[in-house]
Amino acid sequence: MRYDDAVASLFQAPLDQFVTERKRLAGEIKAAGDKAEAARLAKLGRPPISAWVVNQLWWHHRGAFDALLETAQRLRDGKLDAMAAHRDAIAKLRAHAVQVLTDAEHGATESTLRRV
């Protein structure tokens, strides 16, 4: 397994399995003969809950994530007609974030959602 693939897999894993998954993936890389990359992977820190949620949105709700990026770019370009679509994209991602947190048995608190 390549380092980049291992990182992608790691950040898609459930948060409560992060450390276990990191050790497993580092072991695979080490067994493949790349001790330096295994050590590099082993040093990656467990992300805060808000960053983990954003990762899950990126990997599992990509269409909604891309819609947010697209509408944000349109607004930066001065296209104010994108405002409603931008608000809608934020609302959809927020709903997905609530579901991600709920499914993972984490509290979907207002504080966490603001950080997302």
PDB file of N, CA and C in Angstrom:
ATOM      1  N   MET A   1       0.852  -1.184   0.000  1.00  0.00           N
ATOM      2  CA  MET A   1       0.000   0.000   0.000  1.00  0.00           C
ATOM      3  C   MET A   1       0.891   1.237   0.000  1.00  0.00           C
ATOM      4  N   ARG A   2       0.548   2.198  -0.811  1.00  0.00           N
ATOM      5  CA  ARG A   2       1.276   3.470  -0.854  1.00  0.00           C
ATOM      6  C   ARG A   2       0.856   4.354   0.314  1.00  0.00           C
ATOM      7  N   TYR A   3       1.753   5.245   0.716  1.00  0.00           N
ATOM      8  CA  TYR A   3       1.494   6.163   1.822  1.00  0.00           C
ATOM      9  C   TYR A   3       0.239   6.991   1.568  1.00  0.00           C
ATOM     10  N   ASP A   4       0.120   7.580   0.381  1.00  0.00           N
ATOM     11  CA  ASP A   4      -1.037   8.432   0.081  1.00  0.00           C
ATOM     12  C   ASP A   4      -2.351   7.658   0.163  1.00  0.00           C
ATOM     13  N   ASP A   5      -2.337   6.425  -0.294  1.00  0.00           N
ATOM     14  CA  ASP A   5      -3.540   5.586  -0.202  1.00  0.00           C
ATOM     15  C   ASP A   5      -3.873   5.271   1.255  1.00  0.00           C
ATOM     16  N   ALA A   6      -2.841   5.023   2.049  1.00  0.00           N
ATOM     17  CA  ALA A   6      -3.047   4.737   3.470  1.00  0.00           C
ATOM     18  C   ALA A   6      -3.633   5.946   4.188  1.00  0.00           C
ATOM     19  N   VAL A   7      -3.132   7.130   3.872  1.00  0.00           N
ATOM     20  CA  VAL A   7      -3.660   8.352   4.493  1.00  0.00           C
ATOM     21  C   VAL A   7      -5.126   8.543   4.113  1.00  0.00           C
ATOM     22  N   ALA A   8      -5.451   8.349   2.849  1.00  0.00           N
ATOM     23  CA  ALA A   8      -6.844   8.485   2.405  1.00  0.00           C
ATOM     24  C   ALA A   8      -7.732   7.494   3.141  1.00  0.00           C
ATOM     25  N   SER A   9      -7.280   6.270   3.264  1.00  0.00           N
ATOM     26  CA  SER A   9      -8.051   5.250   3.973  1.00  0.00           C
ATOM     27  C   SER A   9      -8.203   5.602   5.449  1.00  0.00           C
ATOM     28  N   LEU A  10      -7.128   6.060   6.056  1.00  0.00           N
ATOM     29  CA  LEU A  10      -7.141   6.411   7.480  1.00  0.00           C
ATOM     30  C   LEU A  10      -8.155   7.503   7.779  1.00  0.00           C
ATOM     31  N   PHE A  11      -8.181   8.539   6.970  1.00  0.00           N
ATOM     32  CA  PHE A  11      -9.070   9.660   7.254  1.00  0.00           C
ATOM     33  C   PHE A  11     -10.516   9.404   6.842  1.00  0.00           C
ATOM     34  N   GLN A  12     -10.779   8.244   6.248  1.00  0.00           N
ATOM     35  CA  GLN A  12     -12.157   7.829   5.991  1.00  0.00           C
ATOM     36  C   GLN A  12     -12.691   6.937   7.105  1.00  0.00           C
ATOM     37  N   ALA A  13     -11.806   6.455   7.948  1.00  0.00           N
ATOM     38  CA  ALA A  13     -12.190   5.505   9.001  1.00  0.00           C
ATOM     39  C   ALA A  13     -13.024   6.188  10.084  1.00  0.00           C
ATOM     40  N   PRO A  14     -13.846   5.413  10.782  1.00  0.00           N
ATOM     41  CA  PRO A  14     -14.575   5.970  11.930  1.00  0.00           C
ATOM     42  C   PRO A  14     -13.583   6.550  12.943  1.00  0.00           C
ATOM     43  N   LEU A  15     -13.944   7.656  13.554  1.00  0.00           N
ATOM     44  CA  LEU A  15     -13.033   8.350  14.459  1.00  0.00           C
ATOM     45  C   LEU A  15     -12.605   7.469  15.623  1.00  0.00           C
ATOM     46  N   ASP A  16     -13.513   6.675  16.155  1.00  0.00           N
ATOM     47  CA  ASP A  16     -13.154   5.837  17.302  1.00  0.00           C
ATOM     48  C   ASP A  16     -12.234   4.679  16.913  1.00  0.00           C
ATOM     49  N   GLN A  17     -12.008   4.486  15.629  1.00  0.00           N
ATOM     50  CA  GLN A  17     -11.096   3.441  15.159  1.00  0.00           C
ATOM     51  C   GLN A  17      -9.809   4.016  14.569  1.00  0.00           C
ATOM     52  N   PHE A  18      -9.615   5.325  14.716  1.00  0.00           N
ATOM     53  CA  PHE A  18      -8.489   6.001  14.077  1.00  0.00           C
ATOM     54  C   PHE A  18      -7.147   5.401  14.493  1.00  0.00           C
ATOM     55  N   VAL A  19      -6.919   5.281  15.794  1.00  0.00           N
ATOM     56  CA  VAL A  19      -5.622   4.805  16.280  1.00  0.00           C
ATOM     57  C   VAL A  19      -5.378   3.363  15.835  1.00  0.00           C
ATOM     58  N   THR A  20      -6.385   2.521  15.967  1.00  0.00           N
ATOM     59  CA  THR A  20      -6.261   1.125  15.545  1.00  0.00           C
ATOM     60  C   THR A  20      -5.985   1.031  14.048  1.00  0.00           C
ATOM     61  N   GLU A  21      -6.702   1.808  13.277  1.00  0.00           N
ATOM     62  CA  GLU A  21      -6.525   1.796  11.818  1.00  0.00           C
ATOM     63  C   GLU A  21      -5.154   2.348  11.434  1.00  0.00           C
ATOM     64  N   ARG A  22      -4.700   3.389  12.124  1.00  0.00           N
ATOM     65  CA  ARG A  22      -3.371   3.958  11.850  1.00  0.00           C
ATOM     66  C   ARG A  22      -2.289   2.901  12.082  1.00  0.00           C
ATOM     67  N   LYS A  23      -2.400   2.180  13.199  1.00  0.00           N
ATOM     68  CA  LYS A  23      -1.416   1.124  13.498  1.00  0.00           C
ATOM     69  C   LYS A  23      -1.458   0.023  12.438  1.00  0.00           C
ATOM     70  N   ARG A  24      -2.654  -0.373  12.045  1.00  0.00           N
ATOM     71  CA  ARG A  24      -2.796  -1.426  11.040  1.00  0.00           C
ATOM     72  C   ARG A  24      -2.175  -1.007   9.708  1.00  0.00           C
ATOM     73  N   LEU A  25      -2.494   0.202   9.267  1.00  0.00           N
ATOM     74  CA  LEU A  25      -1.975   0.686   7.985  1.00  0.00           C
ATOM     75  C   LEU A  25      -0.463   0.883   8.027  1.00  0.00           C
ATOM     76  N   ALA A  26       0.046   1.408   9.142  1.00  0.00           N
ATOM     77  CA  ALA A  26       1.497   1.568   9.285  1.00  0.00           C
ATOM     78  C   ALA A  26       2.175   0.201   9.234  1.00  0.00           C
ATOM     79  N   GLY A  27       1.545  -0.793   9.839  1.00  0.00           N
ATOM     80  CA  GLY A  27       2.085  -2.152   9.788  1.00  0.00           C
ATOM     81  C   GLY A  27       2.131  -2.701   8.375  1.00  0.00           C
ATOM     82  N   GLU A  28       1.100  -2.428   7.597  1.00  0.00           N
ATOM     83  CA  GLU A  28       1.084  -2.872   6.195  1.00  0.00           C
ATOM     84  C   GLU A  28       2.215  -2.231   5.398  1.00  0.00           C
ATOM     85  N   ILE A  29       2.399  -0.938   5.602  1.00  0.00           N
ATOM     86  CA  ILE A  29       3.454  -0.227   4.872  1.00  0.00           C
ATOM     87  C   ILE A  29       4.825  -0.746   5.298  1.00  0.00           C
ATOM     88  N   LYS A  30       4.990  -0.956   6.596  1.00  0.00           N
ATOM     89  CA  LYS A  30       6.263  -1.477   7.103  1.00  0.00           C
ATOM     90  C   LYS A  30       6.527  -2.876   6.552  1.00  0.00           C
ATOM     91  N   ALA A  31       5.498  -3.720   6.533  1.00  0.00           N
ATOM     92  CA  ALA A  31       5.645  -5.083   6.009  1.00  0.00           C
ATOM     93  C   ALA A  31       6.000  -5.079   4.526  1.00  0.00           C
ATOM     94  N   ALA A  32       5.579  -4.024   3.822  1.00  0.00           N
ATOM     95  CA  ALA A  32       5.908  -3.898   2.401  1.00  0.00           C
ATOM     96  C   ALA A  32       7.330  -3.378   2.197  1.00  0.00           C
ATOM     97  N   GLY A  33       8.009  -3.056   3.311  1.00  0.00           N
ATOM     98  CA  GLY A  33       9.410  -2.666   3.222  1.00  0.00           C
ATOM     99  C   GLY A  33       9.704  -1.185   3.312  1.00  0.00           C
ATOM    100  N   ASP A  34       8.708  -0.363   3.586  1.00  0.00           N
ATOM    101  CA  ASP A  34       8.944   1.081   3.646  1.00  0.00           C
ATOM    102  C   ASP A  34       8.809   1.578   5.088  1.00  0.00           C
ATOM    103  N   LYS A  35       9.889   1.402   5.843  1.00  0.00           N
ATOM    104  CA  LYS A  35       9.876   1.761   7.265  1.00  0.00           C
ATOM    105  C   LYS A  35       9.715   3.266   7.478  1.00  0.00           C
ATOM    106  N   ALA A  36      10.312   4.066   6.615  1.00  0.00           N
ATOM    107  CA  ALA A  36      10.234   5.524   6.773  1.00  0.00           C
ATOM    108  C   ALA A  36       8.798   6.015   6.594  1.00  0.00           C
ATOM    109  N   GLU A  37       8.116   5.523   5.571  1.00  0.00           N
ATOM    110  CA  GLU A  37       6.725   5.937   5.348  1.00  0.00           C
ATOM    111  C   GLU A  37       5.811   5.387   6.436  1.00  0.00           C
ATOM    112  N   ALA A  38       6.109   4.193   6.934  1.00  0.00           N
ATOM    113  CA  ALA A  38       5.325   3.628   8.035  1.00  0.00           C
ATOM    114  C   ALA A  38       5.454   4.510   9.271  1.00  0.00           C
ATOM    115  N   ALA A  39       6.665   4.961   9.557  1.00  0.00           N
ATOM    116  CA  ALA A  39       6.885   5.842  10.709  1.00  0.00           C
ATOM    117  C   ALA A  39       6.182   7.178  10.501  1.00  0.00           C
ATOM    118  N   ARG A  40       6.227   7.669   9.293  1.00  0.00           N
ATOM    119  CA  ARG A  40       5.546   8.936   8.966  1.00  0.00           C
ATOM    120  C   ARG A  40       4.040   8.812   9.198  1.00  0.00           C
ATOM    121  N   LEU A  41       3.450   7.704   8.755  1.00  0.00           N
ATOM    122  CA  LEU A  41       2.022   7.481   8.956  1.00  0.00           C
ATOM    123  C   LEU A  41       1.698   7.345  10.441  1.00  0.00           C
ATOM    124  N   ALA A  42       2.549   6.632  11.169  1.00  0.00           N
ATOM    125  CA  ALA A  42       2.316   6.402  12.597  1.00  0.00           C
ATOM    126  C   ALA A  42       2.309   7.702  13.401  1.00  0.00           C
ATOM    127  N   LYS A  43       2.926   8.751  12.874  1.00  0.00           N
ATOM    128  CA  LYS A  43       2.982  10.041  13.566  1.00  0.00           C
ATOM    129  C   LYS A  43       1.748  10.912  13.332  1.00  0.00           C
ATOM    130  N   LEU A  44       0.900  10.533  12.386  1.00  0.00           N
ATOM    131  CA  LEU A  44      -0.285  11.353  12.109  1.00  0.00           C
ATOM    132  C   LEU A  44      -1.196  11.371  13.328  1.00  0.00           C
ATOM    133  N   GLY A  45      -1.620  12.560  13.700  1.00  0.00           N
ATOM    134  CA  GLY A  45      -2.480  12.712  14.867  1.00  0.00           C
ATOM    135  C   GLY A  45      -3.948  12.474  14.555  1.00  0.00           C
ATOM    136  N   ARG A  46      -4.652  12.069  15.586  1.00  0.00           N
ATOM    137  CA  ARG A  46      -6.104  11.881  15.477  1.00  0.00           C
ATOM    138  C   ARG A  46      -6.735  13.255  15.266  1.00  0.00           C
ATOM    139  N   PRO A  47      -7.569  13.391  14.250  1.00  0.00           N
ATOM    140  CA  PRO A  47      -8.143  14.716  13.971  1.00  0.00           C
ATOM    141  C   PRO A  47      -9.201  15.098  15.003  1.00  0.00           C
ATOM    142  N   PRO A  48      -9.388  16.401  15.223  1.00  0.00           N
ATOM    143  CA  PRO A  48     -10.515  16.836  16.053  1.00  0.00           C
ATOM    144  C   PRO A  48     -11.825  16.414  15.377  1.00  0.00           C
ATOM    145  N   ILE A  49     -12.875  16.305  16.153  1.00  0.00           N
ATOM    146  CA  ILE A  49     -14.166  15.840  15.637  1.00  0.00           C
ATOM    147  C   ILE A  49     -14.627  16.677  14.445  1.00  0.00           C
ATOM    148  N   SER A  50     -14.423  17.986  14.500  1.00  0.00           N
ATOM    149  CA  SER A  50     -14.881  18.841  13.400  1.00  0.00           C
ATOM    150  C   SER A  50     -14.127  18.526  12.108  1.00  0.00           C
ATOM    151  N   ALA A  51     -12.821  18.318  12.197  1.00  0.00           N
ATOM    152  CA  ALA A  51     -12.041  17.969  11.005  1.00  0.00           C
ATOM    153  C   ALA A  51     -12.439  16.588  10.492  1.00  0.00           C
ATOM    154  N   TRP A  52     -12.704  15.658  11.412  1.00  0.00           N
ATOM    155  CA  TRP A  52     -13.130  14.322  11.009  1.00  0.00           C
ATOM    156  C   TRP A  52     -14.447  14.396  10.232  1.00  0.00           C
ATOM    157  N   VAL A  53     -15.388  15.224  10.704  1.00  0.00           N
ATOM    158  CA  VAL A  53     -16.675  15.365  10.009  1.00  0.00           C
ATOM    159  C   VAL A  53     -16.455  15.923   8.603  1.00  0.00           C
ATOM    160  N   VAL A  54     -15.615  16.938   8.478  1.00  0.00           N
ATOM    161  CA  VAL A  54     -15.335  17.501   7.153  1.00  0.00           C
ATOM    162  C   VAL A  54     -14.745  16.423   6.242  1.00  0.00           C
ATOM    163  N   ASN A  55     -13.849  15.600   6.779  1.00  0.00           N
ATOM    164  CA  ASN A  55     -13.308  14.485   5.983  1.00  0.00           C
ATOM    165  C   ASN A  55     -14.419  13.553   5.514  1.00  0.00           C
ATOM    166  N   GLN A  56     -15.350  13.229   6.397  1.00  0.00           N
ATOM    167  CA  GLN A  56     -16.445  12.329   6.024  1.00  0.00           C
ATOM    168  C   GLN A  56     -17.329  12.969   4.955  1.00  0.00           C
ATOM    169  N   LEU A  57     -17.562  14.269   5.080  1.00  0.00           N
ATOM    170  CA  LEU A  57     -18.352  14.967   4.063  1.00  0.00           C
ATOM    171  C   LEU A  57     -17.640  14.914   2.712  1.00  0.00           C
ATOM    172  N   TRP A  58     -16.341  15.126   2.726  1.00  0.00           N
ATOM    173  CA  TRP A  58     -15.546  15.092   1.497  1.00  0.00           C
ATOM    174  C   TRP A  58     -15.617  13.714   0.846  1.00  0.00           C
ATOM    175  N   TRP A  59     -15.452  12.661   1.617  1.00  0.00           N
ATOM    176  CA  TRP A  59     -15.392  11.310   1.063  1.00  0.00           C
ATOM    177  C   TRP A  59     -16.756  10.710   0.758  1.00  0.00           C
ATOM    178  N   HIS A  60     -17.772  11.075   1.546  1.00  0.00           N
ATOM    179  CA  HIS A  60     -19.051  10.373   1.432  1.00  0.00           C
ATOM    180  C   HIS A  60     -20.212  11.235   0.939  1.00  0.00           C
ATOM    181  N   HIS A  61     -20.003  12.540   0.869  1.00  0.00           N
ATOM    182  CA  HIS A  61     -21.050  13.451   0.378  1.00  0.00           C
ATOM    183  C   HIS A  61     -20.408  14.452  -0.579  1.00  0.00           C
ATOM    184  N   ARG A  62     -19.645  13.925  -1.507  1.00  0.00           N
ATOM    185  CA  ARG A  62     -18.810  14.746  -2.381  1.00  0.00           C
ATOM    186  C   ARG A  62     -19.619  15.711  -3.240  1.00  0.00           C
ATOM    187  N   GLY A  63     -20.787  15.286  -3.709  1.00  0.00           N
ATOM    188  CA  GLY A  63     -21.596  16.178  -4.537  1.00  0.00           C
ATOM    189  C   GLY A  63     -21.989  17.440  -3.797  1.00  0.00           C
ATOM    190  N   ALA A  64     -22.414  17.282  -2.555  1.00  0.00           N
ATOM    191  CA  ALA A  64     -22.795  18.439  -1.739  1.00  0.00           C
ATOM    192  C   ALA A  64     -21.572  19.300  -1.429  1.00  0.00           C
ATOM    193  N   PHE A  65     -20.441  18.653  -1.180  1.00  0.00           N
ATOM    194  CA  PHE A  65     -19.206  19.376  -0.889  1.00  0.00           C
ATOM    195  C   PHE A  65     -18.779  20.193  -2.112  1.00  0.00           C
ATOM    196  N   ASP A  66     -18.814  19.552  -3.276  1.00  0.00           N
ATOM    197  CA  ASP A  66     -18.440  20.250  -4.510  1.00  0.00           C
ATOM    198  C   ASP A  66     -19.393  21.404  -4.824  1.00  0.00           C
ATOM    199  N   ALA A  67     -20.678  21.230  -4.508  1.00  0.00           N
ATOM    200  CA  ALA A  67     -21.647  22.309  -4.736  1.00  0.00           C
ATOM    201  C   ALA A  67     -21.296  23.527  -3.890  1.00  0.00           C
ATOM    202  N   LEU A  68     -20.862  23.297  -2.658  1.00  0.00           N
ATOM    203  CA  LEU A  68     -20.456  24.411  -1.800  1.00  0.00           C
ATOM    204  C   LEU A  68     -19.246  25.127  -2.394  1.00  0.00           C
ATOM    205  N   LEU A  69     -18.256  24.368  -2.813  1.00  0.00           N
ATOM    206  CA  LEU A  69     -17.063  24.984  -3.401  1.00  0.00           C
ATOM    207  C   LEU A  69     -17.400  25.763  -4.670  1.00  0.00           C
ATOM    208  N   GLU A  70     -18.281  25.202  -5.486  1.00  0.00           N
ATOM    209  CA  GLU A  70     -18.658  25.859  -6.746  1.00  0.00           C
ATOM    210  C   GLU A  70     -19.410  27.161  -6.482  1.00  0.00           C
ATOM    211  N   THR A  71     -20.354  27.131  -5.539  1.00  0.00           N
ATOM    212  CA  THR A  71     -21.112  28.360  -5.262  1.00  0.00           C
ATOM    213  C   THR A  71     -20.232  29.402  -4.588  1.00  0.00           C
ATOM    214  N   ALA A  72     -19.289  28.958  -3.766  1.00  0.00           N
ATOM    215  CA  ALA A  72     -18.359  29.906  -3.140  1.00  0.00           C
ATOM    216  C   ALA A  72     -17.509  30.592  -4.205  1.00  0.00           C
ATOM    217  N   GLN A  73     -17.056  29.831  -5.190  1.00  0.00           N
ATOM    218  CA  GLN A  73     -16.269  30.424  -6.277  1.00  0.00           C
ATOM    219  C   GLN A  73     -17.107  31.425  -7.068  1.00  0.00           C
ATOM    220  N   ARG A  74     -18.348  31.083  -7.324  1.00  0.00           N
ATOM    221  CA  ARG A  74     -19.225  32.009  -8.049  1.00  0.00           C
ATOM    222  C   ARG A  74     -19.394  33.308  -7.263  1.00  0.00           C
ATOM    223  N   LEU A  75     -19.528  33.210  -5.944  1.00  0.00           N
ATOM    224  CA  LEU A  75     -19.650  34.420  -5.126  1.00  0.00           C
ATOM    225  C   LEU A  75     -18.358  35.232  -5.166  1.00  0.00           C
ATOM    226  N   ARG A  76     -17.205  34.548  -5.095  1.00  0.00           N
ATOM    227  CA  ARG A  76     -15.923  35.262  -5.184  1.00  0.00           C
ATOM    228  C   ARG A  76     -15.785  35.975  -6.524  1.00  0.00           C
ATOM    229  N   ASP A  77     -16.395  35.397  -7.556  1.00  0.00           N
ATOM    230  CA  ASP A  77     -16.360  36.009  -8.884  1.00  0.00           C
ATOM    231  C   ASP A  77     -17.363  37.156  -9.021  1.00  0.00           C
ATOM    232  N   GLY A  78     -18.056  37.470  -7.941  1.00  0.00           N
ATOM    233  CA  GLY A  78     -19.004  38.577  -7.956  1.00  0.00           C
ATOM    234  C   GLY A  78     -20.386  38.223  -8.462  1.00  0.00           C
ATOM    235  N   LYS A  79     -20.680  36.971  -8.591  1.00  0.00           N
ATOM    236  CA  LYS A  79     -21.990  36.531  -9.093  1.00  0.00           C
ATOM    237  C   LYS A  79     -22.943  36.351  -7.911  1.00  0.00           C
ATOM    238  N   LEU A  80     -23.564  37.445  -7.531  1.00  0.00           N
ATOM    239  CA  LEU A  80     -24.410  37.442  -6.342  1.00  0.00           C
ATOM    240  C   LEU A  80     -25.664  36.598  -6.495  1.00  0.00           C
ATOM    241  N   ASP A  81     -26.003  36.228  -7.729  1.00  0.00           N
ATOM    242  CA  ASP A  81     -27.159  35.348  -7.923  1.00  0.00           C
ATOM    243  C   ASP A  81     -26.895  33.943  -7.364  1.00  0.00           C
ATOM    244  N   ALA A  82     -25.656  33.679  -6.974  1.00  0.00           N
ATOM    245  CA  ALA A  82     -25.306  32.370  -6.400  1.00  0.00           C
ATOM    246  C   ALA A  82     -25.574  32.304  -4.899  1.00  0.00           C
ATOM    247  N   MET A  83     -26.012  33.416  -4.302  1.00  0.00           N
ATOM    248  CA  MET A  83     -26.198  33.467  -2.850  1.00  0.00           C
ATOM    249  C   MET A  83     -27.180  32.402  -2.356  1.00  0.00           C
ATOM    250  N   ALA A  84     -28.315  32.263  -3.005  1.00  0.00           N
ATOM    251  CA  ALA A  84     -29.316  31.278  -2.564  1.00  0.00           C
ATOM    252  C   ALA A  84     -28.776  29.858  -2.711  1.00  0.00           C
ATOM    253  N   ALA A  85     -28.102  29.581  -3.809  1.00  0.00           N
ATOM    254  CA  ALA A  85     -27.523  28.248  -4.012  1.00  0.00           C
ATOM    255  C   ALA A  85     -26.444  27.964  -2.973  1.00  0.00           C
ATOM    256  N   HIS A  86     -25.698  28.995  -2.595  1.00  0.00           N
ATOM    257  CA  HIS A  86     -24.656  28.843  -1.577  1.00  0.00           C
ATOM    258  C   HIS A  86     -25.280  28.512  -0.221  1.00  0.00           C
ATOM    259  N   ARG A  87     -26.326  29.241   0.143  1.00  0.00           N
ATOM    260  CA  ARG A  87     -27.027  28.946   1.408  1.00  0.00           C
ATOM    261  C   ARG A  87     -27.595  27.533   1.393  1.00  0.00           C
ATOM    262  N   ASP A  88     -28.135  27.126   0.256  1.00  0.00           N
ATOM    263  CA  ASP A  88     -28.688  25.781   0.129  1.00  0.00           C
ATOM    264  C   ASP A  88     -27.590  24.720   0.276  1.00  0.00           C
ATOM    265  N   ALA A  89     -26.438  24.963  -0.328  1.00  0.00           N
ATOM    266  CA  ALA A  89     -25.318  24.022  -0.220  1.00  0.00           C
ATOM    267  C   ALA A  89     -24.858  23.894   1.230  1.00  0.00           C
ATOM    268  N   ILE A  90     -24.802  25.018   1.939  1.00  0.00           N
ATOM    269  CA  ILE A  90     -24.425  24.988   3.358  1.00  0.00           C
ATOM    270  C   ILE A  90     -25.453  24.202   4.159  1.00  0.00           C
ATOM    271  N   ALA A  91     -26.722  24.435   3.902  1.00  0.00           N
ATOM    272  CA  ALA A  91     -27.783  23.726   4.633  1.00  0.00           C
ATOM    273  C   ALA A  91     -27.713  22.220   4.383  1.00  0.00           C
ATOM    274  N   LYS A  92     -27.458  21.824   3.151  1.00  0.00           N
ATOM    275  CA  LYS A  92     -27.359  20.392   2.834  1.00  0.00           C
ATOM    276  C   LYS A  92     -26.166  19.758   3.540  1.00  0.00           C
ATOM    277  N   LEU A  93     -25.028  20.444   3.510  1.00  0.00           N
ATOM    278  CA  LEU A  93     -23.854  19.895   4.187  1.00  0.00           C
ATOM    279  C   LEU A  93     -24.056  19.844   5.694  1.00  0.00           C
ATOM    280  N   ARG A  94     -24.725  20.833   6.241  1.00  0.00           N
ATOM    281  CA  ARG A  94     -25.009  20.822   7.681  1.00  0.00           C
ATOM    282  C   ARG A  94     -25.877  19.612   8.033  1.00  0.00           C
ATOM    283  N   ALA A  95     -26.897  19.342   7.225  1.00  0.00           N
ATOM    284  CA  ALA A  95     -27.759  18.181   7.474  1.00  0.00           C
ATOM    285  C   ALA A  95     -26.951  16.886   7.377  1.00  0.00           C
ATOM    286  N   HIS A  96     -26.070  16.807   6.398  1.00  0.00           N
ATOM    287  CA  HIS A  96     -25.208  15.628   6.280  1.00  0.00           C
ATOM    288  C   HIS A  96     -24.282  15.522   7.494  1.00  0.00           C
ATOM    289  N   ALA A  97     -23.759  16.652   7.962  1.00  0.00           N
ATOM    290  CA  ALA A  97     -22.870  16.648   9.129  1.00  0.00           C
ATOM    291  C   ALA A  97     -23.603  16.132  10.363  1.00  0.00           C
ATOM    292  N   VAL A  98     -24.838  16.574  10.546  1.00  0.00           N
ATOM    293  CA  VAL A  98     -25.644  16.082  11.669  1.00  0.00           C
ATOM    294  C   VAL A  98     -25.795  14.567  11.568  1.00  0.00           C
ATOM    295  N   GLN A  99     -26.075  14.076  10.368  1.00  0.00           N
ATOM    296  CA  GLN A  99     -26.256  12.635  10.182  1.00  0.00           C
ATOM    297  C   GLN A  99     -24.961  11.868  10.430  1.00  0.00           C
ATOM    298  N   VAL A 100     -23.842  12.402   9.951  1.00  0.00           N
ATOM    299  CA  VAL A 100     -22.540  11.759  10.170  1.00  0.00           C
ATOM    300  C   VAL A 100     -22.263  11.652  11.665  1.00  0.00           C
ATOM    301  N   LEU A 101     -22.485  12.744  12.386  1.00  0.00           N
ATOM    302  CA  LEU A 101     -22.251  12.745  13.832  1.00  0.00           C
ATOM    303  C   LEU A 101     -23.187  11.778  14.545  1.00  0.00           C
ATOM    304  N   THR A 102     -24.445  11.802  14.168  1.00  0.00           N
ATOM    305  CA  THR A 102     -25.440  10.926  14.795  1.00  0.00           C
ATOM    306  C   THR A 102     -25.118   9.460  14.519  1.00  0.00           C
ATOM    307  N   ASP A 103     -24.802   9.144  13.276  1.00  0.00           N
ATOM    308  CA  ASP A 103     -24.469   7.762  12.913  1.00  0.00           C
ATOM    309  C   ASP A 103     -23.251   7.250  13.679  1.00  0.00           C
ATOM    310  N   ALA A 104     -22.315   8.146  13.978  1.00  0.00           N
ATOM    311  CA  ALA A 104     -21.097   7.771  14.700  1.00  0.00           C
ATOM    312  C   ALA A 104     -21.276   7.879  16.215  1.00  0.00           C
ATOM    313  N   GLU A 105     -22.504   8.165  16.633  1.00  0.00           N
ATOM    314  CA  GLU A 105     -22.847   8.298  18.053  1.00  0.00           C
ATOM    315  C   GLU A 105     -22.055   9.402  18.749  1.00  0.00           C
ATOM    316  N   HIS A 106     -21.872  10.497  18.022  1.00  0.00           N
ATOM    317  CA  HIS A 106     -21.283  11.715  18.576  1.00  0.00           C
ATOM    318  C   HIS A 106     -22.395  12.748  18.658  1.00  0.00           C
ATOM    319  N   GLY A 107     -22.283  13.647  19.595  1.00  0.00           N
ATOM    320  CA  GLY A 107     -23.287  14.690  19.713  1.00  0.00           C
ATOM    321  C   GLY A 107     -23.180  15.692  18.578  1.00  0.00           C
ATOM    322  N   ALA A 108     -24.307  15.970  17.955  1.00  0.00           N
ATOM    323  CA  ALA A 108     -24.350  16.981  16.894  1.00  0.00           C
ATOM    324  C   ALA A 108     -24.669  18.320  17.543  1.00  0.00           C
ATOM    325  N   THR A 109     -23.748  18.768  18.402  1.00  0.00           N
ATOM    326  CA  THR A 109     -23.976  20.008  19.136  1.00  0.00           C
ATOM    327  C   THR A 109     -23.781  21.215  18.228  1.00  0.00           C
ATOM    328  N   GLU A 110     -24.376  22.307  18.620  1.00  0.00           N
ATOM    329  CA  GLU A 110     -24.232  23.544  17.852  1.00  0.00           C
ATOM    330  C   GLU A 110     -22.764  23.963  17.790  1.00  0.00           C
ATOM    331  N   SER A 111     -22.048  23.774  18.872  1.00  0.00           N
ATOM    332  CA  SER A 111     -20.628  24.123  18.913  1.00  0.00           C
ATOM    333  C   SER A 111     -19.831  23.324  17.880  1.00  0.00           C
ATOM    334  N   THR A 112     -20.067  22.037  17.813  1.00  0.00           N
ATOM    335  CA  THR A 112     -19.368  21.194  16.833  1.00  0.00           C
ATOM    336  C   THR A 112     -19.756  21.586  15.419  1.00  0.00           C
ATOM    337  N   LEU A 113     -21.036  21.794  15.191  1.00  0.00           N
ATOM    338  CA  LEU A 113     -21.498  22.144  13.843  1.00  0.00           C
ATOM    339  C   LEU A 113     -20.940  23.487  13.388  1.00  0.00           C
ATOM    340  N   ARG A 114     -20.771  24.441  14.298  1.00  0.00           N
ATOM    341  CA  ARG A 114     -20.165  25.729  13.928  1.00  0.00           C
ATOM    342  C   ARG A 114     -18.725  25.528  13.470  1.00  0.00           C
ATOM    343  N   ARG A 115     -17.993  24.644  14.143  1.00  0.00           N
ATOM    344  CA  ARG A 115     -16.595  24.394  13.767  1.00  0.00           C
ATOM    345  C   ARG A 115     -16.501  23.663  12.433  1.00  0.00           C
ATOM    346  N   VAL A 116     -17.515  22.860  12.123  1.00  0.00           N
ATOM    347  CA  VAL A 116     -17.528  22.161  10.834  1.00  0.00           C
ATOM    348  C   VAL A 116     -17.722  23.195   9.743  1.00  0.00           C
TER     349      VAL A 116
END
